[in-house]
Amino acid sequence: MRRRRGGRPAAGPRGTSGDLAALVSGVASLTFAAAELMEAGVVKQTIVSMDEGALLVMAIGDGSLLGVHAAADCDMAAVGYQMGLFVGRAGHVLTPELRSELRGAVDAGAGAGR
């Protein structure tokens, strides 16, 4: 078992998926506003580095976001690179409209099986 500093067991983030989605959205909103205020262009990635881990946030072209919680001892460059690959390969299917469509299809299929 991996341990945190001070001997406590390491764990993932607490909270519901909705809590984590709100956190990722808030971090992205702050960095987008900072980039606009500083006239710095488009935000490509945001990294929040903490003692016990990191939060990486990457925008997907249509306004969707990809958030990753990473261990403190991971290779941040490798995580960022893999996030970029994932967004490039699968970002087109991560749009809110397509997710809603797929969720509706799954719900309809589950209802038909009753």
PDB file of N, CA and C in Angstrom:
ATOM      1  N   MET A   1       0.843  -1.174   0.000  1.00  0.00           N
ATOM      2  CA  MET A   1       0.000   0.000   0.000  1.00  0.00           C
ATOM      3  C   MET A   1       0.889   1.239   0.000  1.00  0.00           C
ATOM      4  N   ARG A   2       0.612   2.145  -0.919  1.00  0.00           N
ATOM      5  CA  ARG A   2       1.351   3.393  -0.966  1.00  0.00           C
ATOM      6  C   ARG A   2       0.939   4.259   0.226  1.00  0.00           C
ATOM      7  N   ARG A   3       1.888   4.952   0.816  1.00  0.00           N
ATOM      8  CA  ARG A   3       1.588   5.786   1.979  1.00  0.00           C
ATOM      9  C   ARG A   3       1.906   7.241   1.678  1.00  0.00           C
ATOM     10  N   ARG A   4       1.121   8.105   2.279  1.00  0.00           N
ATOM     11  CA  ARG A   4       1.365   9.543   2.190  1.00  0.00           C
ATOM     12  C   ARG A   4       2.460   9.915   3.169  1.00  0.00           C
ATOM     13  N   ARG A   5       2.930  11.136   3.033  1.00  0.00           N
ATOM     14  CA  ARG A   5       3.882  11.636   4.021  1.00  0.00           C
ATOM     15  C   ARG A   5       3.219  11.611   5.388  1.00  0.00           C
ATOM     16  N   GLY A   6       3.927  11.242   6.416  1.00  0.00           N
ATOM     17  CA  GLY A   6       3.369  11.158   7.755  1.00  0.00           C
ATOM     18  C   GLY A   6       2.769   9.797   8.055  1.00  0.00           C
ATOM     19  N   GLY A   7       2.883   8.847   7.109  1.00  0.00           N
ATOM     20  CA  GLY A   7       2.443   7.489   7.360  1.00  0.00           C
ATOM     21  C   GLY A   7       0.992   7.176   7.076  1.00  0.00           C
ATOM     22  N   ARG A   8       0.182   8.186   6.692  1.00  0.00           N
ATOM     23  CA  ARG A   8      -1.223   7.914   6.390  1.00  0.00           C
ATOM     24  C   ARG A   8      -1.333   7.184   5.054  1.00  0.00           C
ATOM     25  N   PRO A   9      -2.290   6.267   4.909  1.00  0.00           N
ATOM     26  CA  PRO A   9      -2.464   5.586   3.620  1.00  0.00           C
ATOM     27  C   PRO A   9      -2.896   6.570   2.542  1.00  0.00           C
ATOM     28  N   ALA A  10      -2.389   6.403   1.323  1.00  0.00           N
ATOM     29  CA  ALA A  10      -2.777   7.249   0.201  1.00  0.00           C
ATOM     30  C   ALA A  10      -4.168   6.859  -0.267  1.00  0.00           C
ATOM     31  N   ALA A  11      -4.925   7.818  -0.703  1.00  0.00           N
ATOM     32  CA  ALA A  11      -6.271   7.555  -1.205  1.00  0.00           C
ATOM     33  C   ALA A  11      -6.558   8.505  -2.351  1.00  0.00           C
ATOM     34  N   GLY A  12      -7.569   8.190  -3.099  1.00  0.00           N
ATOM     35  CA  GLY A  12      -7.987   9.074  -4.184  1.00  0.00           C
ATOM     36  C   GLY A  12      -8.763  10.249  -3.633  1.00  0.00           C
ATOM     37  N   PRO A  13      -9.252  11.082  -4.515  1.00  0.00           N
ATOM     38  CA  PRO A  13     -10.003  12.252  -4.058  1.00  0.00           C
ATOM     39  C   PRO A  13     -11.319  11.838  -3.413  1.00  0.00           C
ATOM     40  N   ARG A  14     -11.741  12.579  -2.401  1.00  0.00           N
ATOM     41  CA  ARG A  14     -13.036  12.337  -1.768  1.00  0.00           C
ATOM     42  C   ARG A  14     -14.085  13.131  -2.527  1.00  0.00           C
ATOM     43  N   GLY A  15     -15.300  12.754  -2.358  1.00  0.00           N
ATOM     44  CA  GLY A  15     -16.394  13.492  -2.978  1.00  0.00           C
ATOM     45  C   GLY A  15     -17.029  12.700  -4.102  1.00  0.00           C
ATOM     46  N   THR A  16     -18.171  13.188  -4.514  1.00  0.00           N
ATOM     47  CA  THR A  16     -18.892  12.540  -5.597  1.00  0.00           C
ATOM     48  C   THR A  16     -18.312  12.966  -6.934  1.00  0.00           C
ATOM     49  N   SER A  17     -18.717  12.289  -7.983  1.00  0.00           N
ATOM     50  CA  SER A  17     -18.262  12.684  -9.315  1.00  0.00           C
ATOM     51  C   SER A  17     -18.732  14.098  -9.625  1.00  0.00           C
ATOM     52  N   GLY A  18     -19.904  14.473  -9.124  1.00  0.00           N
ATOM     53  CA  GLY A  18     -20.400  15.841  -9.326  1.00  0.00           C
ATOM     54  C   GLY A  18     -19.519  16.869  -8.632  1.00  0.00           C
ATOM     55  N   ASP A  19     -19.056  16.545  -7.423  1.00  0.00           N
ATOM     56  CA  ASP A  19     -18.149  17.444  -6.697  1.00  0.00           C
ATOM     57  C   ASP A  19     -16.858  17.643  -7.477  1.00  0.00           C
ATOM     58  N   LEU A  20     -16.315  16.532  -7.980  1.00  0.00           N
ATOM     59  CA  LEU A  20     -15.053  16.613  -8.721  1.00  0.00           C
ATOM     60  C   LEU A  20     -15.234  17.340 -10.046  1.00  0.00           C
ATOM     61  N   ALA A  21     -16.380  17.134 -10.698  1.00  0.00           N
ATOM     62  CA  ALA A  21     -16.656  17.854 -11.944  1.00  0.00           C
ATOM     63  C   ALA A  21     -16.748  19.355 -11.690  1.00  0.00           C
ATOM     64  N   ALA A  22     -17.385  19.737 -10.590  1.00  0.00           N
ATOM     65  CA  ALA A  22     -17.495  21.156 -10.243  1.00  0.00           C
ATOM     66  C   ALA A  22     -16.118  21.752  -9.951  1.00  0.00           C
ATOM     67  N   LEU A  23     -15.276  20.980  -9.277  1.00  0.00           N
ATOM     68  CA  LEU A  23     -13.919  21.435  -8.982  1.00  0.00           C
ATOM     69  C   LEU A  23     -13.127  21.670 -10.272  1.00  0.00           C
ATOM     70  N   VAL A  24     -13.181  20.711 -11.185  1.00  0.00           N
ATOM     71  CA  VAL A  24     -12.470  20.836 -12.466  1.00  0.00           C
ATOM     72  C   VAL A  24     -13.002  22.043 -13.237  1.00  0.00           C
ATOM     73  N   SER A  25     -14.314  22.216 -13.249  1.00  0.00           N
ATOM     74  CA  SER A  25     -14.921  23.348 -13.944  1.00  0.00           C
ATOM     75  C   SER A  25     -14.481  24.677 -13.342  1.00  0.00           C
ATOM     76  N   GLY A  26     -14.439  24.737 -12.013  1.00  0.00           N
ATOM     77  CA  GLY A  26     -14.012  25.965 -11.345  1.00  0.00           C
ATOM     78  C   GLY A  26     -12.565  26.317 -11.619  1.00  0.00           C
ATOM     79  N   VAL A  27     -11.694  25.320 -11.567  1.00  0.00           N
ATOM     80  CA  VAL A  27     -10.267  25.546 -11.865  1.00  0.00           C
ATOM     81  C   VAL A  27     -10.114  26.046 -13.299  1.00  0.00           C
ATOM     82  N   ALA A  28     -10.817  25.409 -14.224  1.00  0.00           N
ATOM     83  CA  ALA A  28     -10.742  25.820 -15.627  1.00  0.00           C
ATOM     84  C   ALA A  28     -11.259  27.242 -15.801  1.00  0.00           C
ATOM     85  N   SER A  29     -12.348  27.562 -15.163  1.00  0.00           N
ATOM     86  CA  SER A  29     -12.927  28.903 -15.266  1.00  0.00           C
ATOM     87  C   SER A  29     -11.944  29.969 -14.791  1.00  0.00           C
ATOM     88  N   LEU A  30     -11.281  29.704 -13.668  1.00  0.00           N
ATOM     89  CA  LEU A  30     -10.292  30.652 -13.151  1.00  0.00           C
ATOM     90  C   LEU A  30      -9.123  30.848 -14.117  1.00  0.00           C
ATOM     91  N   THR A  31      -8.620  29.754 -14.673  1.00  0.00           N
ATOM     92  CA  THR A  31      -7.468  29.883 -15.569  1.00  0.00           C
ATOM     93  C   THR A  31      -7.861  30.531 -16.884  1.00  0.00           C
ATOM     94  N   PHE A  32      -9.088  30.242 -17.382  1.00  0.00           N
ATOM     95  CA  PHE A  32      -9.545  30.886 -18.615  1.00  0.00           C
ATOM     96  C   PHE A  32      -9.686  32.392 -18.395  1.00  0.00           C
ATOM     97  N   ALA A  33     -10.229  32.787 -17.238  1.00  0.00           N
ATOM     98  CA  ALA A  33     -10.379  34.208 -16.921  1.00  0.00           C
ATOM     99  C   ALA A  33      -9.017  34.879 -16.778  1.00  0.00           C
ATOM    100  N   ALA A  34      -8.060  34.194 -16.157  1.00  0.00           N
ATOM    101  CA  ALA A  34      -6.714  34.754 -16.012  1.00  0.00           C
ATOM    102  C   ALA A  34      -6.066  34.952 -17.380  1.00  0.00           C
ATOM    103  N   ALA A  35      -6.214  33.987 -18.264  1.00  0.00           N
ATOM    104  CA  ALA A  35      -5.633  34.099 -19.603  1.00  0.00           C
ATOM    105  C   ALA A  35      -6.252  35.254 -20.368  1.00  0.00           C
ATOM    106  N   GLU A  36      -7.557  35.438 -20.210  1.00  0.00           N
ATOM    107  CA  GLU A  36      -8.230  36.547 -20.887  1.00  0.00           C
ATOM    108  C   GLU A  36      -7.766  37.885 -20.320  1.00  0.00           C
ATOM    109  N   LEU A  37      -7.694  37.984 -19.008  1.00  0.00           N
ATOM    110  CA  LEU A  37      -7.270  39.218 -18.354  1.00  0.00           C
ATOM    111  C   LEU A  37      -5.848  39.600 -18.751  1.00  0.00           C
ATOM    112  N   MET A  38      -4.979  38.609 -18.866  1.00  0.00           N
ATOM    113  CA  MET A  38      -3.580  38.856 -19.210  1.00  0.00           C
ATOM    114  C   MET A  38      -3.332  38.858 -20.719  1.00  0.00           C
ATOM    115  N   GLU A  39      -4.424  38.684 -21.493  1.00  0.00           N
ATOM    116  CA  GLU A  39      -4.321  38.613 -22.946  1.00  0.00           C
ATOM    117  C   GLU A  39      -3.233  37.615 -23.354  1.00  0.00           C
ATOM    118  N   ALA A  40      -3.293  36.425 -22.754  1.00  0.00           N
ATOM    119  CA  ALA A  40      -2.266  35.400 -22.939  1.00  0.00           C
ATOM    120  C   ALA A  40      -2.669  34.298 -23.915  1.00  0.00           C
ATOM    121  N   GLY A  41      -3.835  34.415 -24.535  1.00  0.00           N
ATOM    122  CA  GLY A  41      -4.256  33.396 -25.491  1.00  0.00           C
ATOM    123  C   GLY A  41      -5.034  32.280 -24.831  1.00  0.00           C
ATOM    124  N   VAL A  42      -5.113  31.172 -25.542  1.00  0.00           N
ATOM    125  CA  VAL A  42      -5.913  30.030 -25.103  1.00  0.00           C
ATOM    126  C   VAL A  42      -5.157  29.211 -24.062  1.00  0.00           C
ATOM    127  N   VAL A  43      -5.873  28.786 -23.018  1.00  0.00           N
ATOM    128  CA  VAL A  43      -5.292  27.905 -22.001  1.00  0.00           C
ATOM    129  C   VAL A  43      -5.243  26.500 -22.578  1.00  0.00           C
ATOM    130  N   LYS A  44      -4.078  25.882 -22.537  1.00  0.00           N
ATOM    131  CA  LYS A  44      -3.924  24.526 -23.059  1.00  0.00           C
ATOM    132  C   LYS A  44      -4.082  23.490 -21.956  1.00  0.00           C
ATOM    133  N   GLN A  45      -3.505  23.778 -20.794  1.00  0.00           N
ATOM    134  CA  GLN A  45      -3.560  22.830 -19.684  1.00  0.00           C
ATOM    135  C   GLN A  45      -3.316  23.592 -18.387  1.00  0.00           C
ATOM    136  N   THR A  46      -3.968  23.132 -17.336  1.00  0.00           N
ATOM    137  CA  THR A  46      -3.773  23.710 -16.011  1.00  0.00           C
ATOM    138  C   THR A  46      -3.319  22.589 -15.082  1.00  0.00           C
ATOM    139  N   ILE A  47      -2.289  22.862 -14.307  1.00  0.00           N
ATOM    140  CA  ILE A  47      -1.787  21.885 -13.357  1.00  0.00           C
ATOM    141  C   ILE A  47      -1.801  22.520 -11.970  1.00  0.00           C
ATOM    142  N   VAL A  48      -2.478  21.858 -11.040  1.00  0.00           N
ATOM    143  CA  VAL A  48      -2.468  22.278  -9.642  1.00  0.00           C
ATOM    144  C   VAL A  48      -1.649  21.225  -8.912  1.00  0.00           C
ATOM    145  N   SER A  49      -0.469  21.604  -8.478  1.00  0.00           N
ATOM    146  CA  SER A  49       0.446  20.679  -7.825  1.00  0.00           C
ATOM    147  C   SER A  49       0.316  20.832  -6.317  1.00  0.00           C
ATOM    148  N   MET A  50       0.110  19.713  -5.638  1.00  0.00           N
ATOM    149  CA  MET A  50      -0.083  19.706  -4.187  1.00  0.00           C
ATOM    150  C   MET A  50       0.897  18.718  -3.549  1.00  0.00           C
ATOM    151  N   ASP A  51       1.030  18.758  -2.247  1.00  0.00           N
ATOM    152  CA  ASP A  51       1.929  17.834  -1.550  1.00  0.00           C
ATOM    153  C   ASP A  51       1.603  16.379  -1.850  1.00  0.00           C
ATOM    154  N   GLU A  52       0.328  16.042  -1.878  1.00  0.00           N
ATOM    155  CA  GLU A  52      -0.090  14.649  -1.988  1.00  0.00           C
ATOM    156  C   GLU A  52      -0.642  14.268  -3.360  1.00  0.00           C
ATOM    157  N   GLY A  53      -0.463  15.114  -4.356  1.00  0.00           N
ATOM    158  CA  GLY A  53      -0.966  14.787  -5.686  1.00  0.00           C
ATOM    159  C   GLY A  53      -1.058  16.011  -6.558  1.00  0.00           C
ATOM    160  N   ALA A  54      -1.702  15.833  -7.680  1.00  0.00           N
ATOM    161  CA  ALA A  54      -1.875  16.930  -8.615  1.00  0.00           C
ATOM    162  C   ALA A  54      -3.208  16.790  -9.327  1.00  0.00           C
ATOM    163  N   LEU A  55      -3.727  17.912  -9.769  1.00  0.00           N
ATOM    164  CA  LEU A  55      -4.928  17.949 -10.587  1.00  0.00           C
ATOM    165  C   LEU A  55      -4.526  18.574 -11.914  1.00  0.00           C
ATOM    166  N   LEU A  56      -4.741  17.851 -12.995  1.00  0.00           N
ATOM    167  CA  LEU A  56      -4.449  18.354 -14.328  1.00  0.00           C
ATOM    168  C   LEU A  56      -5.765  18.530 -15.052  1.00  0.00           C
ATOM    169  N   VAL A  57      -5.942  19.686 -15.689  1.00  0.00           N
ATOM    170  CA  VAL A  57      -7.172  19.990 -16.405  1.00  0.00           C
ATOM    171  C   VAL A  57      -6.807  20.414 -17.816  1.00  0.00           C
ATOM    172  N   MET A  58      -7.476  19.797 -18.797  1.00  0.00           N
ATOM    173  CA  MET A  58      -7.231  20.112 -20.200  1.00  0.00           C
ATOM    174  C   MET A  58      -8.581  20.368 -20.868  1.00  0.00           C
ATOM    175  N   ALA A  59      -8.626  21.416 -21.677  1.00  0.00           N
ATOM    176  CA  ALA A  59      -9.847  21.728 -22.410  1.00  0.00           C
ATOM    177  C   ALA A  59      -9.953  20.842 -23.640  1.00  0.00           C
ATOM    178  N   ILE A  60     -11.187  20.435 -23.934  1.00  0.00           N
ATOM    179  CA  ILE A  60     -11.492  19.733 -25.170  1.00  0.00           C
ATOM    180  C   ILE A  60     -12.234  20.747 -26.021  1.00  0.00           C
ATOM    181  N   GLY A  61     -11.885  20.882 -27.257  1.00  0.00           N
ATOM    182  CA  GLY A  61     -12.339  21.942 -28.153  1.00  0.00           C
ATOM    183  C   GLY A  61     -13.725  22.521 -27.981  1.00  0.00           C
ATOM    184  N   ASP A  62     -14.735  21.746 -27.631  1.00  0.00           N
ATOM    185  CA  ASP A  62     -16.114  22.234 -27.598  1.00  0.00           C
ATOM    186  C   ASP A  62     -16.528  22.820 -26.250  1.00  0.00           C
ATOM    187  N   GLY A  63     -15.614  22.992 -25.348  1.00  0.00           N
ATOM    188  CA  GLY A  63     -15.942  23.495 -24.022  1.00  0.00           C
ATOM    189  C   GLY A  63     -15.966  22.412 -22.962  1.00  0.00           C
ATOM    190  N   SER A  64     -15.840  21.167 -23.364  1.00  0.00           N
ATOM    191  CA  SER A  64     -15.730  20.074 -22.398  1.00  0.00           C
ATOM    192  C   SER A  64     -14.342  20.115 -21.768  1.00  0.00           C
ATOM    193  N   LEU A  65     -14.203  19.466 -20.625  1.00  0.00           N
ATOM    194  CA  LEU A  65     -12.934  19.444 -19.911  1.00  0.00           C
ATOM    195  C   LEU A  65     -12.557  18.018 -19.544  1.00  0.00           C
ATOM    196  N   LEU A  66     -11.279  17.755 -19.508  1.00  0.00           N
ATOM    197  CA  LEU A  66     -10.752  16.489 -19.013  1.00  0.00           C
ATOM    198  C   LEU A  66      -9.954  16.801 -17.761  1.00  0.00           C
ATOM    199  N   GLY A  67     -10.336  16.202 -16.637  1.00  0.00           N
ATOM    200  CA  GLY A  67      -9.625  16.395 -15.387  1.00  0.00           C
ATOM    201  C   GLY A  67      -9.017  15.086 -14.935  1.00  0.00           C
ATOM    202  N   VAL A  68      -7.777  15.130 -14.480  1.00  0.00           N
ATOM    203  CA  VAL A  68      -7.078  13.936 -14.024  1.00  0.00           C
ATOM    204  C   VAL A  68      -6.474  14.207 -12.657  1.00  0.00           C
ATOM    205  N   HIS A  69      -6.736  13.295 -11.723  1.00  0.00           N
ATOM    206  CA  HIS A  69      -6.093  13.352 -10.411  1.00  0.00           C
ATOM    207  C   HIS A  69      -4.892  12.423 -10.482  1.00  0.00           C
ATOM    208  N   ALA A  70      -3.710  12.937 -10.220  1.00  0.00           N
ATOM    209  CA  ALA A  70      -2.483  12.147 -10.343  1.00  0.00           C
ATOM    210  C   ALA A  70      -1.753  12.096  -9.007  1.00  0.00           C
ATOM    211  N   ALA A  71      -1.006  11.031  -8.815  1.00  0.00           N
ATOM    212  CA  ALA A  71      -0.195  10.882  -7.613  1.00  0.00           C
ATOM    213  C   ALA A  71       0.947  11.901  -7.629  1.00  0.00           C
ATOM    214  N   ALA A  72       1.395  12.272  -6.450  1.00  0.00           N
ATOM    215  CA  ALA A  72       2.449  13.269  -6.340  1.00  0.00           C
ATOM    216  C   ALA A  72       3.749  12.827  -6.990  1.00  0.00           C
ATOM    217  N   ASP A  73       4.018  11.523  -7.011  1.00  0.00           N
ATOM    218  CA  ASP A  73       5.289  11.040  -7.538  1.00  0.00           C
ATOM    219  C   ASP A  73       5.215  10.603  -9.006  1.00  0.00           C
ATOM    220  N   CYS A  74       4.120  10.954  -9.691  1.00  0.00           N
ATOM    221  CA  CYS A  74       4.006  10.551 -11.099  1.00  0.00           C
ATOM    222  C   CYS A  74       4.819  11.489 -11.990  1.00  0.00           C
ATOM    223  N   ASP A  75       5.013  11.088 -13.218  1.00  0.00           N
ATOM    224  CA  ASP A  75       5.701  11.904 -14.221  1.00  0.00           C
ATOM    225  C   ASP A  75       4.660  12.822 -14.859  1.00  0.00           C
ATOM    226  N   MET A  76       4.597  14.078 -14.416  1.00  0.00           N
ATOM    227  CA  MET A  76       3.579  15.025 -14.891  1.00  0.00           C
ATOM    228  C   MET A  76       3.652  15.219 -16.401  1.00  0.00           C
ATOM    229  N   ALA A  77       4.853  15.222 -16.957  1.00  0.00           N
ATOM    230  CA  ALA A  77       4.991  15.388 -18.399  1.00  0.00           C
ATOM    231  C   ALA A  77       4.337  14.227 -19.134  1.00  0.00           C
ATOM    232  N   ALA A  78       4.522  13.012 -18.625  1.00  0.00           N
ATOM    233  CA  ALA A  78       3.919  11.837 -19.261  1.00  0.00           C
ATOM    234  C   ALA A  78       2.398  11.882 -19.139  1.00  0.00           C
ATOM    235  N   VAL A  79       1.881  12.293 -17.982  1.00  0.00           N
ATOM    236  CA  VAL A  79       0.430  12.381 -17.798  1.00  0.00           C
ATOM    237  C   VAL A  79      -0.147  13.423 -18.755  1.00  0.00           C
ATOM    238  N   GLY A  80       0.490  14.580 -18.834  1.00  0.00           N
ATOM    239  CA  GLY A  80       0.033  15.628 -19.748  1.00  0.00           C
ATOM    240  C   GLY A  80       0.063  15.175 -21.195  1.00  0.00           C
ATOM    241  N   TYR A  81       1.107  14.469 -21.561  1.00  0.00           N
ATOM    242  CA  TYR A  81       1.234  13.956 -22.927  1.00  0.00           C
ATOM    243  C   TYR A  81       0.115  12.958 -23.229  1.00  0.00           C
ATOM    244  N   GLN A  82      -0.137  12.036 -22.305  1.00  0.00           N
ATOM    245  CA  GLN A  82      -1.191  11.045 -22.505  1.00  0.00           C
ATOM    246  C   GLN A  82      -2.576  11.701 -22.546  1.00  0.00           C
ATOM    247  N   MET A  83      -2.776  12.738 -21.748  1.00  0.00           N
ATOM    248  CA  MET A  83      -4.042  13.465 -21.800  1.00  0.00           C
ATOM    249  C   MET A  83      -4.227  14.078 -23.186  1.00  0.00           C
ATOM    250  N   GLY A  84      -3.169  14.680 -23.709  1.00  0.00           N
ATOM    251  CA  GLY A  84      -3.238  15.273 -25.042  1.00  0.00           C
ATOM    252  C   GLY A  84      -3.559  14.239 -26.111  1.00  0.00           C
ATOM    253  N   LEU A  85      -2.929  13.080 -26.026  1.00  0.00           N
ATOM    254  CA  LEU A  85      -3.228  11.996 -26.967  1.00  0.00           C
ATOM    255  C   LEU A  85      -4.691  11.567 -26.859  1.00  0.00           C
ATOM    256  N   PHE A  86      -5.161  11.411 -25.627  1.00  0.00           N
ATOM    257  CA  PHE A  86      -6.540  10.988 -25.420  1.00  0.00           C
ATOM    258  C   PHE A  86      -7.522  11.993 -26.002  1.00  0.00           C
ATOM    259  N   VAL A  87      -7.288  13.270 -25.739  1.00  0.00           N
ATOM    260  CA  VAL A  87      -8.173  14.316 -26.260  1.00  0.00           C
ATOM    261  C   VAL A  87      -8.147  14.310 -27.790  1.00  0.00           C
ATOM    262  N   GLY A  88      -6.955  14.143 -28.367  1.00  0.00           N
ATOM    263  CA  GLY A  88      -6.846  14.108 -29.820  1.00  0.00           C
ATOM    264  C   GLY A  88      -7.569  12.927 -30.439  1.00  0.00           C
ATOM    265  N   ARG A  89      -7.534  11.797 -29.766  1.00  0.00           N
ATOM    266  CA  ARG A  89      -8.144  10.579 -30.305  1.00  0.00           C
ATOM    267  C   ARG A  89      -9.616  10.431 -29.972  1.00  0.00           C
ATOM    268  N   ALA A  90     -10.007  10.855 -28.780  1.00  0.00           N
ATOM    269  CA  ALA A  90     -11.376  10.585 -28.336  1.00  0.00           C
ATOM    270  C   ALA A  90     -12.181  11.834 -28.011  1.00  0.00           C
ATOM    271  N   GLY A  91     -11.579  12.995 -28.103  1.00  0.00           N
ATOM    272  CA  GLY A  91     -12.269  14.232 -27.738  1.00  0.00           C
ATOM    273  C   GLY A  91     -13.562  14.448 -28.487  1.00  0.00           C
ATOM    274  N   HIS A  92     -13.633  14.021 -29.734  1.00  0.00           N
ATOM    275  CA  HIS A  92     -14.837  14.218 -30.542  1.00  0.00           C
ATOM    276  C   HIS A  92     -16.038  13.433 -30.021  1.00  0.00           C
ATOM    277  N   VAL A  93     -15.810  12.392 -29.252  1.00  0.00           N
ATOM    278  CA  VAL A  93     -16.929  11.630 -28.694  1.00  0.00           C
ATOM    279  C   VAL A  93     -17.230  12.023 -27.253  1.00  0.00           C
ATOM    280  N   LEU A  94     -16.545  13.007 -26.735  1.00  0.00           N
ATOM    281  CA  LEU A  94     -16.755  13.438 -25.355  1.00  0.00           C
ATOM    282  C   LEU A  94     -17.598  14.704 -25.268  1.00  0.00           C
ATOM    283  N   THR A  95     -18.276  15.089 -26.360  1.00  0.00           N
ATOM    284  CA  THR A  95     -19.087  16.301 -26.353  1.00  0.00           C
ATOM    285  C   THR A  95     -20.321  16.090 -25.478  1.00  0.00           C
ATOM    286  N   PRO A  96     -20.829  17.139 -24.861  1.00  0.00           N
ATOM    287  CA  PRO A  96     -22.025  16.990 -24.019  1.00  0.00           C
ATOM    288  C   PRO A  96     -23.223  16.430 -24.803  1.00  0.00           C
ATOM    289  N   GLU A  97     -23.382  16.868 -26.050  1.00  0.00           N
ATOM    290  CA  GLU A  97     -24.513  16.401 -26.849  1.00  0.00           C
ATOM    291  C   GLU A  97     -24.435  14.891 -27.077  1.00  0.00           C
ATOM    292  N   LEU A  98     -23.268  14.393 -27.452  1.00  0.00           N
ATOM    293  CA  LEU A  98     -23.117  12.968 -27.715  1.00  0.00           C
ATOM    294  C   LEU A  98     -23.264  12.150 -26.439  1.00  0.00           C
ATOM    295  N   ARG A  99     -22.737  12.661 -25.322  1.00  0.00           N
ATOM    296  CA  ARG A  99     -22.893  11.948 -24.057  1.00  0.00           C
ATOM    297  C   ARG A  99     -24.364  11.840 -23.675  1.00  0.00           C
ATOM    298  N   SER A 100     -25.135  12.912 -23.892  1.00  0.00           N
ATOM    299  CA  SER A 100     -26.573  12.887 -23.591  1.00  0.00           C
ATOM    300  C   SER A 100     -27.288  11.880 -24.484  1.00  0.00           C
ATOM    301  N   GLU A 101     -26.912  11.872 -25.762  1.00  0.00           N
ATOM    302  CA  GLU A 101     -27.494  10.902 -26.697  1.00  0.00           C
ATOM    303  C   GLU A 101     -27.217   9.470 -26.244  1.00  0.00           C
ATOM    304  N   LEU A 102     -25.962   9.201 -25.903  1.00  0.00           N
ATOM    305  CA  LEU A 102     -25.583   7.857 -25.475  1.00  0.00           C
ATOM    306  C   LEU A 102     -26.275   7.474 -24.177  1.00  0.00           C
ATOM    307  N   ARG A 103     -26.372   8.419 -23.246  1.00  0.00           N
ATOM    308  CA  ARG A 103     -27.046   8.147 -21.976  1.00  0.00           C
ATOM    309  C   ARG A 103     -28.505   7.805 -22.236  1.00  0.00           C
ATOM    310  N   GLY A 104     -29.155   8.546 -23.148  1.00  0.00           N
ATOM    311  CA  GLY A 104     -30.548   8.274 -23.500  1.00  0.00           C
ATOM    312  C   GLY A 104     -30.711   6.896 -24.114  1.00  0.00           C
ATOM    313  N   ALA A 105     -29.761   6.509 -24.977  1.00  0.00           N
ATOM    314  CA  ALA A 105     -29.828   5.197 -25.616  1.00  0.00           C
ATOM    315  C   ALA A 105     -29.651   4.085 -24.577  1.00  0.00           C
ATOM    316  N   VAL A 106     -28.732   4.282 -23.649  1.00  0.00           N
ATOM    317  CA  VAL A 106     -28.511   3.276 -22.606  1.00  0.00           C
ATOM    318  C   VAL A 106     -29.743   3.161 -21.717  1.00  0.00           C
ATOM    319  N   ASP A 107     -30.310   4.303 -21.331  1.00  0.00           N
ATOM    320  CA  ASP A 107     -31.520   4.297 -20.492  1.00  0.00           C
ATOM    321  C   ASP A 107     -32.674   3.618 -21.207  1.00  0.00           C
ATOM    322  N   ALA A 108     -32.827   3.883 -22.508  1.00  0.00           N
ATOM    323  CA  ALA A 108     -33.901   3.270 -23.282  1.00  0.00           C
ATOM    324  C   ALA A 108     -33.692   1.758 -23.365  1.00  0.00           C
ATOM    325  N   GLY A 109     -32.448   1.326 -23.539  1.00  0.00           N
ATOM    326  CA  GLY A 109     -32.139  -0.096 -23.594  1.00  0.00           C
ATOM    327  C   GLY A 109     -32.405  -0.781 -22.273  1.00  0.00           C
ATOM    328  N   ALA A 110     -32.090  -0.099 -21.194  1.00  0.00           N
ATOM    329  CA  ALA A 110     -32.328  -0.687 -19.864  1.00  0.00           C
ATOM    330  C   ALA A 110     -33.821  -0.808 -19.593  1.00  0.00           C
ATOM    331  N   GLY A 111     -34.577   0.173 -20.061  1.00  0.00           N
ATOM    332  CA  GLY A 111     -36.037   0.132 -19.875  1.00  0.00           C
ATOM    333  C   GLY A 111     -36.687  -0.960 -20.702  1.00  0.00           C
ATOM    334  N   ALA A 112     -36.114  -1.260 -21.871  1.00  0.00           N
ATOM    335  CA  ALA A 112     -36.668  -2.293 -22.739  1.00  0.00           C
ATOM    336  C   ALA A 112     -36.423  -3.694 -22.174  1.00  0.00           C
ATOM    337  N   GLY A 113     -35.391  -3.833 -21.340  1.00  0.00           N
ATOM    338  CA  GLY A 113     -35.042  -5.138 -20.795  1.00  0.00           C
ATOM    339  C   GLY A 113     -35.878  -5.544 -19.599  1.00  0.00           C
ATOM    340  N   ARG A 114     -36.755  -4.660 -19.141  1.00  0.00           N
ATOM    341  CA  ARG A 114     -37.563  -4.963 -17.943  1.00  0.00           C
ATOM    342  C   ARG A 114     -38.717  -5.861 -18.260  1.00  0.00           C
TER     343      ARG A 114
END
